[in-house]
C-alpha atoms as a PDB file:
ATOM      1  CA  TYR A   1       0.110  -0.164   0.181  1.00  0.00           C
ATOM      2  CA  ILE A   2       0.822   3.947  -0.546  1.00  0.00           C
ATOM      3  CA  TYR A   3      -0.959   6.003   1.429  1.00  0.00           C
ATOM      4  CA  LEU A   4      -0.323  10.050   0.957  1.00  0.00           C
ATOM      5  CA  LYS A   5      -1.753  12.971   3.165  1.00  0.00           C
ATOM      6  CA  LEU A   6      -0.828  16.708   1.530  1.00  0.00           C
ATOM      7  CA  SER A   7      -1.934  19.687   3.945  1.00  0.00           C
ATOM      8  CA  VAL A   8      -1.766  23.623   3.901  1.00  0.00           C
ATOM      9  CA  ASP A   9      -2.447  25.394   7.318  1.00  0.00           C
ATOM     10  CA  GLN A  10      -1.547  28.717   8.947  1.00  0.00           C
ATOM     11  CA  GLY A  11       1.469  28.982   6.504  1.00  0.00           C
ATOM     12  CA  ARG A  12       2.572  25.567   6.798  1.00  0.00           C
ATOM     13  CA  VAL A  13       2.378  22.953   3.890  1.00  0.00           C
ATOM     14  CA  TYR A  14       2.196  19.247   5.436  1.00  0.00           C
ATOM     15  CA  PHE A  15       3.462  16.235   3.826  1.00  0.00           C
ATOM     16  CA  LYS A  16       2.889  12.388   4.698  1.00  0.00           C
ATOM     17  CA  ILE A  17       3.669   9.476   2.809  1.00  0.00           C
ATOM     18  CA  LYS A  18       3.605   5.876   4.388  1.00  0.00           C
ATOM     19  CA  ASN A  19       4.056   2.709   2.288  1.00  0.00           C
ATOM     20  CA  SER A  20       4.052  -0.530   3.223  1.00  0.00           C
ATOM     21  CA  ILE A  21       7.793  -3.303   2.593  1.00  0.00           C
ATOM     22  CA  ASN A  22       7.388  -6.154   0.521  1.00  0.00           C
ATOM     23  CA  LYS A  23       9.577  -8.716   2.184  1.00  0.00           C
ATOM     24  CA  ASN A  24       9.566 -11.016  -0.612  1.00  0.00           C
ATOM     25  CA  ASN A  25      11.333  -8.311  -2.937  1.00  0.00           C
ATOM     26  CA  SER A  26      15.276  -9.531  -2.293  1.00  0.00           C
ATOM     27  CA  SER A  27      17.280  -8.051  -5.575  1.00  0.00           C
ATOM     28  CA  PRO A  28      20.425  -8.355  -5.311  1.00  0.00           C
ATOM     29  CA  GLY A  29      22.672  -5.209  -6.162  1.00  0.00           C
ATOM     30  CA  VAL A  30      19.736  -2.860  -4.891  1.00  0.00           C
ATOM     31  CA  VAL A  31      21.652  -0.150  -2.453  1.00  0.00           C
ATOM     32  CA  SER A  32      20.573   0.460   0.785  1.00  0.00           C
ATOM     33  CA  THR A  33      17.632   2.766   1.148  1.00  0.00           C
ATOM     34  CA  GLU A  34      19.936   4.822   4.246  1.00  0.00           C
ATOM     35  CA  THR A  35      21.831   6.211   1.739  1.00  0.00           C
ATOM     36  CA  GLY A  36      18.740   7.626  -0.181  1.00  0.00           C
ATOM     37  CA  ILE A  37      17.656   8.997   3.256  1.00  0.00           C
ATOM     38  CA  GLU A  38      20.385  10.713   3.672  1.00  0.00           C
ATOM     39  CA  ASN A  39      20.356  12.708   0.094  1.00  0.00           C
ATOM     40  CA  VAL A  40      17.086  13.651   0.987  1.00  0.00           C
ATOM     41  CA  LYS A  41      17.721  15.251   4.506  1.00  0.00           C
ATOM     42  CA  ARG A  42      20.930  16.781   3.153  1.00  0.00           C
ATOM     43  CA  ARG A  43      19.236  19.132  -0.045  1.00  0.00           C
ATOM     44  CA  MET A  44      16.255  19.731   2.351  1.00  0.00           C
ATOM     45  CA  ALA A  45      18.705  21.514   4.515  1.00  0.00           C
ATOM     46  CA  ILE A  46      19.900  23.007   1.339  1.00  0.00           C
ATOM     47  CA  LEU A  47      16.586  24.374   0.226  1.00  0.00           C
ATOM     48  CA  TYR A  48      14.518  24.877   3.283  1.00  0.00           C
ATOM     49  CA  PRO A  49      17.555  25.725   6.036  1.00  0.00           C
ATOM     50  CA  GLY A  50      15.911  26.571   9.066  1.00  0.00           C
ATOM     51  CA  ILE A  51      12.476  26.577   8.043  1.00  0.00           C
ATOM     52  CA  HIS A  52      11.857  22.259   7.697  1.00  0.00           C
ATOM     53  CA  ASN A  53      10.940  19.249   9.819  1.00  0.00           C
ATOM     54  CA  ILE A  54      11.353  15.588   8.475  1.00  0.00           C
ATOM     55  CA  GLU A  55      10.742  13.218  10.137  1.00  0.00           C
ATOM     56  CA  ILE A  56      12.047   9.407   8.800  1.00  0.00           C
ATOM     57  CA  SER A  57      10.961   6.166  10.193  1.00  0.00           C
ATOM     58  CA  LYS A  58      11.051   2.690   9.352  1.00  0.00           C
ATOM     59  CA  THR A  59       9.577  -0.748  11.281  1.00  0.00           C
ATOM     60  CA  ASP A  60       9.461  -4.340   9.794  1.00  0.00           C
ATOM     61  CA  GLN A  61       5.565  -3.034   7.799  1.00  0.00           C
ATOM     62  CA  ASP A  62       6.164   0.194   6.866  1.00  0.00           C
ATOM     63  CA  PHE A  63       8.222   3.098   5.746  1.00  0.00           C
ATOM     64  CA  GLN A  64       6.869   6.321   6.599  1.00  0.00           C
ATOM     65  CA  VAL A  65       8.049   9.784   6.156  1.00  0.00           C
ATOM     66  CA  ASN A  66       6.363  13.337   7.592  1.00  0.00           C
ATOM     67  CA  LEU A  67       7.388  16.473   6.169  1.00  0.00           C
ATOM     68  CA  GLU A  68       7.022  19.871   7.289  1.00  0.00           C
ATOM     69  CA  ILE A  69       7.707  22.736   5.468  1.00  0.00           C
ATOM     70  CA  GLU A  70       7.167  27.144   6.559  1.00  0.00           C
ATOM     71  CA  ILE A  71       6.258  28.960   4.054  1.00  0.00           C
END
């Protein structure tokens, strides 16, 4: 599954995305998601310095990102 929610309230954009993890998908040679997560955090710090908050979490069942940007 994929769940997306985007909202704007009092000068802030809120974005939430959550997706299930397919445990049967074990593709050889796939780069760890940790590299992608660090790239996203670095890019957000460059594009929205001091006006964003990003929280990324992973469980055995799903992966979730909560992003808040001041506009």
